[in-house]
PDB file of N, CA and C in Angstrom:
ATOM      1  N   MET A   1     -30.729-105.911 125.226  1.00  0.00           N
ATOM      2  CA  MET A   1     -29.430-105.843 125.853  1.00  0.00           C
ATOM      3  C   MET A   1     -29.522-104.950 127.093  1.00  0.00           C
ATOM      4  N   ILE A   2     -28.985-105.409 128.183  1.00  0.00           N
ATOM      5  CA  ILE A   2     -28.979-104.633 129.426  1.00  0.00           C
ATOM      6  C   ILE A   2     -27.672-103.854 129.499  1.00  0.00           C
ATOM      7  N   ARG A   3     -27.772-102.578 129.622  1.00  0.00           N
ATOM      8  CA  ARG A   3     -26.582-101.736 129.723  1.00  0.00           C
ATOM      9  C   ARG A   3     -26.053-101.760 131.153  1.00  0.00           C
ATOM     10  N   ALA A   4     -24.737-101.654 131.281  1.00  0.00           N
ATOM     11  CA  ALA A   4     -24.090-101.761 132.594  1.00  0.00           C
ATOM     12  C   ALA A   4     -24.557-100.664 133.544  1.00  0.00           C
ATOM     13  N   ARG A   5     -24.643 -99.442 133.061  1.00  0.00           N
ATOM     14  CA  ARG A   5     -25.066 -98.333 133.928  1.00  0.00           C
ATOM     15  C   ARG A   5     -26.500 -98.517 134.403  1.00  0.00           C
ATOM     16  N   ALA A   6     -27.370 -99.026 133.537  1.00  0.00           N
ATOM     17  CA  ALA A   6     -28.759 -99.259 133.930  1.00  0.00           C
ATOM     18  C   ALA A   6     -28.843-100.341 135.008  1.00  0.00           C
ATOM     19  N   ALA A   7     -28.033-101.383 134.873  1.00  0.00           N
ATOM     20  CA  ALA A   7     -28.027-102.452 135.872  1.00  0.00           C
ATOM     21  C   ALA A   7     -27.494-101.948 137.218  1.00  0.00           C
ATOM     22  N   LEU A   8     -26.446-101.132 137.201  1.00  0.00           N
ATOM     23  CA  LEU A   8     -25.897-100.580 138.439  1.00  0.00           C
ATOM     24  C   LEU A   8     -26.894 -99.618 139.089  1.00  0.00           C
ATOM     25  N   ASN A   9     -27.584 -98.841 138.270  1.00  0.00           N
ATOM     26  CA  ASN A   9     -28.593 -97.921 138.785  1.00  0.00           C
ATOM     27  C   ASN A   9     -29.732 -98.709 139.452  1.00  0.00           C
ATOM     28  N   ARG A  10     -30.113 -99.812 138.850  1.00  0.00           N
ATOM     29  CA  ARG A  10     -31.166-100.659 139.413  1.00  0.00           C
ATOM     30  C   ARG A  10     -30.730-101.244 140.761  1.00  0.00           C
ATOM     31  N   GLN A  11     -29.471-101.642 140.880  1.00  0.00           N
ATOM     32  CA  GLN A  11     -28.971-102.155 142.158  1.00  0.00           C
ATOM     33  C   GLN A  11     -29.022-101.072 143.230  1.00  0.00           C
ATOM     34  N   ALA A  12     -28.684 -99.842 142.860  1.00  0.00           N
ATOM     35  CA  ALA A  12     -28.735 -98.735 143.821  1.00  0.00           C
ATOM     36  C   ALA A  12     -30.181 -98.491 144.261  1.00  0.00           C
ATOM     37  N   GLN A  13     -31.131 -98.555 143.345  1.00  0.00           N
ATOM     38  CA  GLN A  13     -32.536 -98.382 143.703  1.00  0.00           C
ATOM     39  C   GLN A  13     -33.005 -99.484 144.645  1.00  0.00           C
ATOM     40  N   ASP A  14     -32.585-100.717 144.377  1.00  0.00           N
ATOM     41  CA  ASP A  14     -32.944-101.833 145.260  1.00  0.00           C
ATOM     42  C   ASP A  14     -32.335-101.655 146.652  1.00  0.00           C
ATOM     43  N   PHE A  15     -31.109-101.115 146.714  1.00  0.00           N
ATOM     44  CA  PHE A  15     -30.455-100.833 147.979  1.00  0.00           C
ATOM     45  C   PHE A  15     -31.272 -99.822 148.782  1.00  0.00           C
ATOM     46  N   PHE A  16     -31.720 -98.767 148.124  1.00  0.00           N
ATOM     47  CA  PHE A  16     -32.541 -97.760 148.797  1.00  0.00           C
ATOM     48  C   PHE A  16     -33.838 -98.372 149.309  1.00  0.00           C
ATOM     49  N   LYS A  17     -34.455 -99.182 148.498  1.00  0.00           N
ATOM     50  CA  LYS A  17     -35.731 -99.790 148.884  1.00  0.00           C
ATOM     51  C   LYS A  17     -35.546-100.741 150.066  1.00  0.00           C
ATOM     52  N   ALA A  18     -34.448-101.470 150.102  1.00  0.00           N
ATOM     53  CA  ALA A  18     -34.229-102.458 151.159  1.00  0.00           C
ATOM     54  C   ALA A  18     -33.749-101.847 152.471  1.00  0.00           C
ATOM     55  N   TYR A  19     -32.877-100.834 152.420  1.00  0.00           N
ATOM     56  CA  TYR A  19     -32.216-100.354 153.640  1.00  0.00           C
ATOM     57  C   TYR A  19     -32.527 -98.910 154.025  1.00  0.00           C
ATOM     58  N   LEU A  20     -32.846 -98.062 153.083  1.00  0.00           N
ATOM     59  CA  LEU A  20     -32.944 -96.629 153.375  1.00  0.00           C
ATOM     60  C   LEU A  20     -34.341 -96.065 153.136  1.00  0.00           C
ATOM     61  N   LEU A  21     -35.333 -96.910 153.124  1.00  0.00           N
ATOM     62  CA  LEU A  21     -36.685 -96.489 152.788  1.00  0.00           C
ATOM     63  C   LEU A  21     -37.216 -95.401 153.712  1.00  0.00           C
ATOM     64  N   ASP A  22     -36.948 -95.493 155.014  1.00  0.00           N
ATOM     65  CA  ASP A  22     -37.449 -94.507 155.967  1.00  0.00           C
ATOM     66  C   ASP A  22     -36.517 -93.304 156.135  1.00  0.00           C
ATOM     67  N   LEU A  23     -35.295 -93.405 155.633  1.00  0.00           N
ATOM     68  CA  LEU A  23     -34.313 -92.345 155.869  1.00  0.00           C
ATOM     69  C   LEU A  23     -34.208 -91.351 154.711  1.00  0.00           C
ATOM     70  N   TYR A  24     -34.149 -91.853 153.491  1.00  0.00           N
ATOM     71  CA  TYR A  24     -33.957 -91.004 152.315  1.00  0.00           C
ATOM     72  C   TYR A  24     -34.951 -91.418 151.229  1.00  0.00           C
ATOM     73  N   ARG A  25     -35.264 -90.488 150.359  1.00  0.00           N
ATOM     74  CA  ARG A  25     -36.140 -90.763 149.223  1.00  0.00           C
ATOM     75  C   ARG A  25     -35.308 -90.815 147.951  1.00  0.00           C
ATOM     76  N   TRP A  26     -35.626 -91.736 147.068  1.00  0.00           N
ATOM     77  CA  TRP A  26     -34.885 -91.874 145.816  1.00  0.00           C
ATOM     78  C   TRP A  26     -35.001 -90.605 144.970  1.00  0.00           C
ATOM     79  N   GLU A  27     -36.102 -89.882 145.104  1.00  0.00           N
ATOM     80  CA  GLU A  27     -36.297 -88.668 144.317  1.00  0.00           C
ATOM     81  C   GLU A  27     -35.310 -87.562 144.703  1.00  0.00           C
ATOM     82  N   THR A  28     -34.756 -87.614 145.910  1.00  0.00           N
ATOM     83  CA  THR A  28     -33.824 -86.577 146.359  1.00  0.00           C
ATOM     84  C   THR A  28     -32.368 -86.889 146.005  1.00  0.00           C
ATOM     85  N   VAL A  29     -32.132 -88.026 145.406  1.00  0.00           N
ATOM     86  CA  VAL A  29     -30.779 -88.456 145.050  1.00  0.00           C
ATOM     87  C   VAL A  29     -30.300 -87.698 143.822  1.00  0.00           C
ATOM     88  N   SER A  30     -29.023 -87.306 143.827  1.00  0.00           N
ATOM     89  CA  SER A  30     -28.443 -86.712 142.616  1.00  0.00           C
ATOM     90  C   SER A  30     -27.414 -87.684 142.047  1.00  0.00           C
ATOM     91  N   ILE A  31     -27.542 -87.935 140.761  1.00  0.00           N
ATOM     92  CA  ILE A  31     -26.661 -88.878 140.064  1.00  0.00           C
ATOM     93  C   ILE A  31     -25.788 -88.082 139.108  1.00  0.00           C
ATOM     94  N   ALA A  32     -24.472 -88.283 139.220  1.00  0.00           N
ATOM     95  CA  ALA A  32     -23.520 -87.554 138.370  1.00  0.00           C
ATOM     96  C   ALA A  32     -23.625 -88.047 136.925  1.00  0.00           C
ATOM     97  N   PRO A  33     -23.409 -87.166 135.946  1.00  0.00           N
ATOM     98  CA  PRO A  33     -23.444 -87.601 134.547  1.00  0.00           C
ATOM     99  C   PRO A  33     -22.306 -88.575 134.257  1.00  0.00           C
ATOM    100  N   PRO A  34     -22.493 -89.451 133.280  1.00  0.00           N
ATOM    101  CA  PRO A  34     -21.473 -90.474 133.001  1.00  0.00           C
ATOM    102  C   PRO A  34     -20.208 -89.889 132.378  1.00  0.00           C
ATOM    103  N   ASP A  35     -19.091 -90.556 132.635  1.00  0.00           N
ATOM    104  CA  ASP A  35     -17.817 -90.196 132.012  1.00  0.00           C
ATOM    105  C   ASP A  35     -17.653 -91.025 130.740  1.00  0.00           C
ATOM    106  N   ARG A  36     -17.245 -90.365 129.663  1.00  0.00           N
ATOM    107  CA  ARG A  36     -17.056 -91.074 128.388  1.00  0.00           C
ATOM    108  C   ARG A  36     -15.757 -91.871 128.396  1.00  0.00           C
ATOM    109  N   ASN A  37     -15.788 -93.021 127.746  1.00  0.00           N
ATOM    110  CA  ASN A  37     -14.573 -93.782 127.490  1.00  0.00           C
ATOM    111  C   ASN A  37     -13.808 -93.102 126.368  1.00  0.00           C
ATOM    112  N   GLU A  38     -12.533 -92.933 126.552  1.00  0.00           N
ATOM    113  CA  GLU A  38     -11.722 -92.342 125.489  1.00  0.00           C
ATOM    114  C   GLU A  38     -11.396 -93.408 124.458  1.00  0.00           C
ATOM    115  N   GLN A  39     -11.491 -93.021 123.198  1.00  0.00           N
ATOM    116  CA  GLN A  39     -11.160 -93.958 122.134  1.00  0.00           C
ATOM    117  C   GLN A  39      -9.642 -94.037 122.014  1.00  0.00           C
ATOM    118  N   PRO A  40      -9.089 -95.249 122.048  1.00  0.00           N
ATOM    119  CA  PRO A  40      -7.634 -95.368 121.938  1.00  0.00           C
ATOM    120  C   PRO A  40      -7.153 -94.995 120.534  1.00  0.00           C
ATOM    121  N   LYS A  41      -5.950 -94.471 120.466  1.00  0.00           N
ATOM    122  CA  LYS A  41      -5.363 -94.083 119.185  1.00  0.00           C
ATOM    123  C   LYS A  41      -4.744 -95.320 118.524  1.00  0.00           C
ATOM    124  N   PRO A  42      -4.817 -95.403 117.206  1.00  0.00           N
ATOM    125  CA  PRO A  42      -4.214 -96.547 116.524  1.00  0.00           C
ATOM    126  C   PRO A  42      -2.698 -96.580 116.737  1.00  0.00           C
ATOM    127  N   GLU A  43      -2.176 -97.783 116.800  1.00  0.00           N
ATOM    128  CA  GLU A  43      -0.734 -97.969 116.996  1.00  0.00           C
ATOM    129  C   GLU A  43      -0.130 -98.517 115.711  1.00  0.00           C
ATOM    130  N   MET A  44       1.160 -98.319 115.546  1.00  0.00           N
ATOM    131  CA  MET A  44       1.856 -98.837 114.366  1.00  0.00           C
ATOM    132  C   MET A  44       2.582-100.127 114.746  1.00  0.00           C
ATOM    133  N   ASN A  45       2.500-101.115 113.876  1.00  0.00           N
ATOM    134  CA  ASN A  45       3.237-102.355 114.130  1.00  0.00           C
ATOM    135  C   ASN A  45       4.632-102.250 113.513  1.00  0.00           C
ATOM    136  N   SER A  46       5.378-103.336 113.540  1.00  0.00           N
ATOM    137  CA  SER A  46       6.771-103.301 113.088  1.00  0.00           C
ATOM    138  C   SER A  46       6.888-103.067 111.569  1.00  0.00           C
ATOM    139  N   ARG A  47       5.831-103.355 110.807  1.00  0.00           N
ATOM    140  CA  ARG A  47       5.868-103.152 109.351  1.00  0.00           C
ATOM    141  C   ARG A  47       5.395-101.755 108.952  1.00  0.00           C
ATOM    142  N   GLY A  48       5.036-100.943 109.921  1.00  0.00           N
ATOM    143  CA  GLY A  48       4.593 -99.591 109.612  1.00  0.00           C
ATOM    144  C   GLY A  48       3.106 -99.492 109.326  1.00  0.00           C
ATOM    145  N   ARG A  49       2.379-100.560 109.562  1.00  0.00           N
ATOM    146  CA  ARG A  49       0.935-100.533 109.358  1.00  0.00           C
ATOM    147  C   ARG A  49       0.219-100.235 110.668  1.00  0.00           C
ATOM    148  N   ARG A  50      -0.934 -99.641 110.508  1.00  0.00           N
ATOM    149  CA  ARG A  50      -1.719 -99.349 111.710  1.00  0.00           C
ATOM    150  C   ARG A  50      -2.333-100.634 112.260  1.00  0.00           C
ATOM    151  N   ARG A  51      -2.297-100.721 113.586  1.00  0.00           N
ATOM    152  CA  ARG A  51      -2.907-101.854 114.269  1.00  0.00           C
ATOM    153  C   ARG A  51      -4.041-101.304 115.124  1.00  0.00           C
ATOM    154  N   ARG A  52      -5.203-101.922 115.026  1.00  0.00           N
ATOM    155  CA  ARG A  52      -6.355-101.439 115.775  1.00  0.00           C
ATOM    156  C   ARG A  52      -6.243-101.890 117.237  1.00  0.00           C
ATOM    157  N   PRO A  53      -6.249-100.939 118.171  1.00  0.00           N
ATOM    158  CA  PRO A  53      -6.165-101.312 119.593  1.00  0.00           C
ATOM    159  C   PRO A  53      -7.516-101.839 120.087  1.00  0.00           C
ATOM    160  N   GLU A  54      -7.488-102.480 121.245  1.00  0.00           N
ATOM    161  CA  GLU A  54      -8.731-102.967 121.841  1.00  0.00           C
ATOM    162  C   GLU A  54      -9.612-101.788 122.206  1.00  0.00           C
ATOM    163  N   ARG A  55     -10.888-101.927 121.958  1.00  0.00           N
ATOM    164  CA  ARG A  55     -11.830-100.864 122.286  1.00  0.00           C
ATOM    165  C   ARG A  55     -12.391-101.105 123.683  1.00  0.00           C
ATOM    166  N   PRO A  56     -12.637-100.038 124.408  1.00  0.00           N
ATOM    167  CA  PRO A  56     -13.267-100.201 125.723  1.00  0.00           C
ATOM    168  C   PRO A  56     -14.722-100.629 125.564  1.00  0.00           C
ATOM    169  N   GLU A  57     -15.276-101.195 126.604  1.00  0.00           N
ATOM    170  CA  GLU A  57     -16.668-101.624 126.587  1.00  0.00           C
ATOM    171  C   GLU A  57     -17.589-100.410 126.607  1.00  0.00           C
ATOM    172  N   GLY A  58     -18.315-100.167 125.557  1.00  0.00           N
ATOM    173  CA  GLY A  58     -19.319 -99.115 125.527  1.00  0.00           C
ATOM    174  C   GLY A  58     -18.747 -97.712 125.413  1.00  0.00           C
ATOM    175  N   LYS A  59     -19.662 -96.740 125.282  1.00  0.00           N
ATOM    176  CA  LYS A  59     -19.258 -95.341 125.164  1.00  0.00           C
ATOM    177  C   LYS A  59     -18.878 -94.736 126.507  1.00  0.00           C
ATOM    178  N   TYR A  60     -19.503 -95.229 127.574  1.00  0.00           N
ATOM    179  CA  TYR A  60     -19.333 -94.627 128.886  1.00  0.00           C
ATOM    180  C   TYR A  60     -18.761 -95.632 129.873  1.00  0.00           C
ATOM    181  N   HIS A  61     -18.067 -95.109 130.890  1.00  0.00           N
ATOM    182  CA  HIS A  61     -17.567 -95.950 131.962  1.00  0.00           C
ATOM    183  C   HIS A  61     -18.750 -96.518 132.737  1.00  0.00           C
ATOM    184  N   ALA A  62     -18.622 -97.746 133.194  1.00  0.00           N
ATOM    185  CA  ALA A  62     -19.674 -98.386 133.985  1.00  0.00           C
ATOM    186  C   ALA A  62     -19.493 -97.988 135.447  1.00  0.00           C
ATOM    187  N   THR A  63     -19.631 -96.703 135.710  1.00  0.00           N
ATOM    188  CA  THR A  63     -19.476 -96.154 137.053  1.00  0.00           C
ATOM    189  C   THR A  63     -20.613 -95.176 137.315  1.00  0.00           C
ATOM    190  N   ILE A  64     -21.176 -95.265 138.510  1.00  0.00           N
ATOM    191  CA  ILE A  64     -22.239 -94.341 138.903  1.00  0.00           C
ATOM    192  C   ILE A  64     -21.845 -93.695 140.222  1.00  0.00           C
ATOM    193  N   GLN A  65     -21.980 -92.375 140.308  1.00  0.00           N
ATOM    194  CA  GLN A  65     -21.771 -91.643 141.556  1.00  0.00           C
ATOM    195  C   GLN A  65     -23.093 -91.056 141.992  1.00  0.00           C
ATOM    196  N   ILE A  66     -23.514 -91.435 143.207  1.00  0.00           N
ATOM    197  CA  ILE A  66     -24.792 -91.005 143.747  1.00  0.00           C
ATOM    198  C   ILE A  66     -24.534 -90.217 145.022  1.00  0.00           C
ATOM    199  N   GLU A  67     -25.203 -89.082 145.163  1.00  0.00           N
ATOM    200  CA  GLU A  67     -25.094 -88.283 146.380  1.00  0.00           C
ATOM    201  C   GLU A  67     -26.476 -88.129 146.994  1.00  0.00           C
ATOM    202  N   PHE A  68     -26.554 -88.381 148.307  1.00  0.00           N
ATOM    203  CA  PHE A  68     -27.792 -88.209 149.055  1.00  0.00           C
ATOM    204  C   PHE A  68     -27.422 -87.865 150.488  1.00  0.00           C
ATOM    205  N   GLY A  69     -28.082 -86.853 151.033  1.00  0.00           N
ATOM    206  CA  GLY A  69     -27.737 -86.414 152.384  1.00  0.00           C
ATOM    207  C   GLY A  69     -26.270 -86.042 152.466  1.00  0.00           C
ATOM    208  N   ILE A  70     -25.569 -86.629 153.432  1.00  0.00           N
ATOM    209  CA  ILE A  70     -24.131 -86.374 153.586  1.00  0.00           C
ATOM    210  C   ILE A  70     -23.286 -87.436 152.879  1.00  0.00           C
ATOM    211  N   TRP A  71     -23.921 -88.369 152.198  1.00  0.00           N
ATOM    212  CA  TRP A  71     -23.249 -89.546 151.653  1.00  0.00           C
ATOM    213  C   TRP A  71     -22.958 -89.403 150.172  1.00  0.00           C
ATOM    214  N   ARG A  72     -21.844 -90.025 149.755  1.00  0.00           N
ATOM    215  CA  ARG A  72     -21.513 -90.192 148.339  1.00  0.00           C
ATOM    216  C   ARG A  72     -21.237 -91.677 148.116  1.00  0.00           C
ATOM    217  N   LEU A  73     -22.026 -92.275 147.251  1.00  0.00           N
ATOM    218  CA  LEU A  73     -21.903 -93.694 146.939  1.00  0.00           C
ATOM    219  C   LEU A  73     -21.395 -93.829 145.512  1.00  0.00           C
ATOM    220  N   THR A  74     -20.286 -94.538 145.336  1.00  0.00           N
ATOM    221  CA  THR A  74     -19.724 -94.785 144.015  1.00  0.00           C
ATOM    222  C   THR A  74     -19.835 -96.272 143.725  1.00  0.00           C
ATOM    223  N   ILE A  75     -20.432 -96.591 142.581  1.00  0.00           N
ATOM    224  CA  ILE A  75     -20.610 -97.984 142.171  1.00  0.00           C
ATOM    225  C   ILE A  75     -19.831 -98.179 140.877  1.00  0.00           C
ATOM    226  N   GLU A  76     -18.868 -99.089 140.909  1.00  0.00           N
ATOM    227  CA  GLU A  76     -18.083 -99.401 139.714  1.00  0.00           C
ATOM    228  C   GLU A  76     -18.451-100.809 139.267  1.00  0.00           C
ATOM    229  N   GLY A  77     -18.709-100.957 137.994  1.00  0.00           N
ATOM    230  CA  GLY A  77     -19.090-102.249 137.439  1.00  0.00           C
ATOM    231  C   GLY A  77     -17.899-103.174 137.270  1.00  0.00           C
ATOM    232  N   PRO A  78     -18.167-104.416 136.888  1.00  0.00           N
ATOM    233  CA  PRO A  78     -17.097-105.399 136.699  1.00  0.00           C
ATOM    234  C   PRO A  78     -16.088-105.016 135.617  1.00  0.00           C
ATOM    235  N   ASN A  79     -16.496-104.231 134.620  1.00  0.00           N
ATOM    236  CA  ASN A  79     -15.539-103.817 133.580  1.00  0.00           C
ATOM    237  C   ASN A  79     -14.538-102.804 134.116  1.00  0.00           C
ATOM    238  N   GLU A  80     -14.932-102.031 135.112  1.00  0.00           N
ATOM    239  CA  GLU A  80     -14.052-101.015 135.680  1.00  0.00           C
ATOM    240  C   GLU A  80     -13.175-101.574 136.795  1.00  0.00           C
ATOM    241  N   HIS A  81     -13.706-102.500 137.557  1.00  0.00           N
ATOM    242  CA  HIS A  81     -12.991-103.058 138.718  1.00  0.00           C
ATOM    243  C   HIS A  81     -13.274-104.569 138.782  1.00  0.00           C
ATOM    244  N   PRO A  82     -12.568-105.376 137.973  1.00  0.00           N
ATOM    245  CA  PRO A  82     -12.838-106.816 137.934  1.00  0.00           C
ATOM    246  C   PRO A  82     -12.495-107.487 139.252  1.00  0.00           C
ATOM    247  N   PRO A  83     -13.030-108.630 139.600  1.00  0.00           N
ATOM    248  CA  PRO A  83     -14.003-109.403 138.838  1.00  0.00           C
ATOM    249  C   PRO A  83     -15.465-109.072 139.171  1.00  0.00           C
ATOM    250  N   LEU A  84     -15.769-108.515 140.352  1.00  0.00           N
ATOM    251  CA  LEU A  84     -17.156-108.302 140.753  1.00  0.00           C
ATOM    252  C   LEU A  84     -17.649-106.883 140.555  1.00  0.00           C
ATOM    253  N   GLY A  85     -16.774-105.922 140.608  1.00  0.00           N
ATOM    254  CA  GLY A  85     -17.147-104.519 140.697  1.00  0.00           C
ATOM    255  C   GLY A  85     -16.778-104.032 142.092  1.00  0.00           C
ATOM    256  N   TRP A  86     -17.001-102.760 142.371  1.00  0.00           N
ATOM    257  CA  TRP A  86     -16.537-102.190 143.636  1.00  0.00           C
ATOM    258  C   TRP A  86     -17.499-101.113 144.111  1.00  0.00           C
ATOM    259  N   LEU A  87     -17.743-101.077 145.407  1.00  0.00           N
ATOM    260  CA  LEU A  87     -18.592-100.065 146.036  1.00  0.00           C
ATOM    261  C   LEU A  87     -17.759 -99.217 146.979  1.00  0.00           C
ATOM    262  N   THR A  88     -18.003 -97.917 146.996  1.00  0.00           N
ATOM    263  CA  THR A  88     -17.327 -97.001 147.906  1.00  0.00           C
ATOM    264  C   THR A  88     -18.375 -96.069 148.495  1.00  0.00           C
ATOM    265  N   LEU A  89     -18.408 -95.984 149.825  1.00  0.00           N
ATOM    266  CA  LEU A  89     -19.322 -95.090 150.521  1.00  0.00           C
ATOM    267  C   LEU A  89     -18.484 -94.082 151.287  1.00  0.00           C
ATOM    268  N   GLU A  90     -18.753 -92.789 151.064  1.00  0.00           N
ATOM    269  CA  GLU A  90     -17.966 -91.739 151.700  1.00  0.00           C
ATOM    270  C   GLU A  90     -18.866 -90.740 152.401  1.00  0.00           C
ATOM    271  N   ALA A  91     -18.471 -90.383 153.601  1.00  0.00           N
ATOM    272  CA  ALA A  91     -19.053 -89.272 154.364  1.00  0.00           C
ATOM    273  C   ALA A  91     -18.088 -89.040 155.515  1.00  0.00           C
ATOM    274  N   GLY A  92     -17.018 -88.322 155.250  1.00  0.00           N
ATOM    275  CA  GLY A  92     -15.971 -88.177 156.254  1.00  0.00           C
ATOM    276  C   GLY A  92     -15.038 -89.369 156.196  1.00  0.00           C
ATOM    277  N   GLU A  93     -15.544 -90.526 156.580  1.00  0.00           N
ATOM    278  CA  GLU A  93     -14.753 -91.752 156.470  1.00  0.00           C
ATOM    279  C   GLU A  93     -15.136 -92.474 155.180  1.00  0.00           C
ATOM    280  N   LYS A  94     -14.297 -93.417 154.794  1.00  0.00           N
ATOM    281  CA  LYS A  94     -14.495 -94.117 153.533  1.00  0.00           C
ATOM    282  C   LYS A  94     -14.613 -95.608 153.807  1.00  0.00           C
ATOM    283  N   ILE A  95     -15.685 -96.224 153.301  1.00  0.00           N
ATOM    284  CA  ILE A  95     -15.887 -97.661 153.436  1.00  0.00           C
ATOM    285  C   ILE A  95     -15.943 -98.234 152.029  1.00  0.00           C
ATOM    286  N   GLU A  96     -15.260 -99.337 151.801  1.00  0.00           N
ATOM    287  CA  GLU A  96     -15.209 -99.945 150.472  1.00  0.00           C
ATOM    288  C   GLU A  96     -15.445-101.438 150.566  1.00  0.00           C
ATOM    289  N   GLY A  97     -15.833-102.012 149.439  1.00  0.00           N
ATOM    290  CA  GLY A  97     -16.001-103.452 149.382  1.00  0.00           C
ATOM    291  C   GLY A  97     -16.425-103.880 147.995  1.00  0.00           C
ATOM    292  N   PRO A  98     -16.396-105.196 147.731  1.00  0.00           N
ATOM    293  CA  PRO A  98     -16.815-105.697 146.418  1.00  0.00           C
ATOM    294  C   PRO A  98     -18.314-105.501 146.205  1.00  0.00           C
ATOM    295  N   LEU A  99     -18.724-105.526 144.986  1.00  0.00           N
ATOM    296  CA  LEU A  99     -20.118-105.336 144.615  1.00  0.00           C
ATOM    297  C   LEU A  99     -20.869-106.651 144.848  1.00  0.00           C
ATOM    298  N   ASP A 100     -21.277-106.872 146.100  1.00  0.00           N
ATOM    299  CA  ASP A 100     -22.047-108.068 146.443  1.00  0.00           C
ATOM    300  C   ASP A 100     -23.046-107.747 147.546  1.00  0.00           C
ATOM    301  N   ALA A 101     -23.895-108.700 147.874  1.00  0.00           N
ATOM    302  CA  ALA A 101     -24.979-108.473 148.837  1.00  0.00           C
ATOM    303  C   ALA A 101     -24.454-108.138 150.231  1.00  0.00           C
ATOM    304  N   ALA A 102     -23.351-108.737 150.636  1.00  0.00           N
ATOM    305  CA  ALA A 102     -22.805-108.479 151.973  1.00  0.00           C
ATOM    306  C   ALA A 102     -22.347-107.020 152.112  1.00  0.00           C
ATOM    307  N   THR A 103     -21.753-106.475 151.083  1.00  0.00           N
ATOM    308  CA  THR A 103     -21.307-105.080 151.132  1.00  0.00           C
ATOM    309  C   THR A 103     -22.500-104.139 151.148  1.00  0.00           C
ATOM    310  N   TRP A 104     -23.530-104.427 150.343  1.00  0.00           N
ATOM    311  CA  TRP A 104     -24.737-103.602 150.371  1.00  0.00           C
ATOM    312  C   TRP A 104     -25.335-103.587 151.776  1.00  0.00           C
ATOM    313  N   ARG A 105     -25.392-104.761 152.418  1.00  0.00           N
ATOM    314  CA  ARG A 105     -25.943-104.857 153.774  1.00  0.00           C
ATOM    315  C   ARG A 105     -25.088-104.056 154.759  1.00  0.00           C
ATOM    316  N   GLN A 106     -23.766-104.175 154.640  1.00  0.00           N
ATOM    317  CA  GLN A 106     -22.857-103.437 155.520  1.00  0.00           C
ATOM    318  C   GLN A 106     -23.061-101.930 155.360  1.00  0.00           C
ATOM    319  N   PHE A 107     -23.191-101.451 154.125  1.00  0.00           N
ATOM    320  CA  PHE A 107     -23.418-100.027 153.881  1.00  0.00           C
ATOM    321  C   PHE A 107     -24.748 -99.580 154.471  1.00  0.00           C
ATOM    322  N   GLY A 108     -25.794-100.380 154.276  1.00  0.00           N
ATOM    323  CA  GLY A 108     -27.108-100.035 154.812  1.00  0.00           C
ATOM    324  C   GLY A 108     -27.106 -99.939 156.321  1.00  0.00           C
ATOM    325  N   GLU A 109     -26.472-100.903 156.985  1.00  0.00           N
ATOM    326  CA  GLU A 109     -26.397-100.884 158.448  1.00  0.00           C
ATOM    327  C   GLU A 109     -25.572 -99.702 158.936  1.00  0.00           C
ATOM    328  N   HIS A 110     -24.492 -99.383 158.236  1.00  0.00           N
ATOM    329  CA  HIS A 110     -23.642 -98.252 158.627  1.00  0.00           C
ATOM    330  C   HIS A 110     -24.410 -96.929 158.507  1.00  0.00           C
ATOM    331  N   ILE A 111     -25.142 -96.752 157.409  1.00  0.00           N
ATOM    332  CA  ILE A 111     -25.910 -95.516 157.218  1.00  0.00           C
ATOM    333  C   ILE A 111     -26.997 -95.403 158.277  1.00  0.00           C
ATOM    334  N   GLN A 112     -27.693 -96.495 158.564  1.00  0.00           N
ATOM    335  CA  GLN A 112     -28.748 -96.477 159.580  1.00  0.00           C
ATOM    336  C   GLN A 112     -28.177 -96.146 160.952  1.00  0.00           C
ATOM    337  N   LYS A 113     -27.046 -96.764 161.299  1.00  0.00           N
ATOM    338  CA  LYS A 113     -26.414 -96.511 162.594  1.00  0.00           C
ATOM    339  C   LYS A 113     -25.975 -95.048 162.711  1.00  0.00           C
ATOM    340  N   THR A 114     -25.348 -94.527 161.672  1.00  0.00           N
ATOM    341  CA  THR A 114     -24.899 -93.136 161.690  1.00  0.00           C
ATOM    342  C   THR A 114     -26.085 -92.184 161.769  1.00  0.00           C
ATOM    343  N   HIS A 115     -27.155 -92.498 161.058  1.00  0.00           N
ATOM    344  CA  HIS A 115     -28.351 -91.652 161.086  1.00  0.00           C
ATOM    345  C   HIS A 115     -28.957 -91.614 162.491  1.00  0.00           C
ATOM    346  N   LYS A 116     -29.001 -92.766 163.172  1.00  0.00           N
ATOM    347  CA  LYS A 116     -29.521 -92.809 164.545  1.00  0.00           C
ATOM    348  C   LYS A 116     -28.636 -92.005 165.490  1.00  0.00           C
ATOM    349  N   GLU A 117     -27.311 -92.115 165.344  1.00  0.00           N
ATOM    350  CA  GLU A 117     -26.387 -91.382 166.188  1.00  0.00           C
ATOM    351  C   GLU A 117     -26.556 -89.868 165.987  1.00  0.00           C
ATOM    352  N   MET A 118     -26.738 -89.450 164.742  1.00  0.00           N
ATOM    353  CA  MET A 118     -26.910 -88.030 164.466  1.00  0.00           C
ATOM    354  C   MET A 118     -28.247 -87.532 165.036  1.00  0.00           C
ATOM    355  N   LYS A 119     -29.269 -88.384 165.010  1.00  0.00           N
ATOM    356  CA  LYS A 119     -30.563 -88.001 165.551  1.00  0.00           C
ATOM    357  C   LYS A 119     -30.501 -87.859 167.081  1.00  0.00           C
ATOM    358  N   ASN A 120     -29.740 -88.743 167.729  1.00  0.00           N
ATOM    359  CA  ASN A 120     -29.606 -88.702 169.187  1.00  0.00           C
ATOM    360  C   ASN A 120     -28.822 -87.468 169.640  1.00  0.00           C
ATOM    361  N   VAL A 121     -27.862 -87.021 168.838  1.00  0.00           N
ATOM    362  CA  VAL A 121     -27.054 -85.859 169.200  1.00  0.00           C
ATOM    363  C   VAL A 121     -27.863 -84.578 169.067  1.00  0.00           C
ATOM    364  N   ALA A 122     -28.700 -84.508 168.037  1.00  0.00           N
ATOM    365  CA  ALA A 122     -29.469 -83.281 167.780  1.00  0.00           C
ATOM    366  C   ALA A 122     -30.596 -83.075 168.753  1.00  0.00           C
TER     367      ALA A 122
END
């Protein structure tokens, strides 16, 4: 069974390999610890019996927060943000998009462009 967090982590590693290989190293990335899913409390039905509520998927939220350099990348899986999942890149400004190849490419190009601009200023 493939766990959601492991799959999202693998996508982030592939993103680094494809777009940020010369700029950042995966070893320097810090990944935030996972947030636990809260177990819902049982509810009572009209007859006074307990009704079991729906359980969330897994023990932990399918969300990963990665920090590298000046950037914070948040990856939310399809269970957290249906139907595809959601990506958020922050460093002063905030860029968002669905969890797909076009958004990964947009983030990679944005980071590369910003890195070049910062290098030219220094």
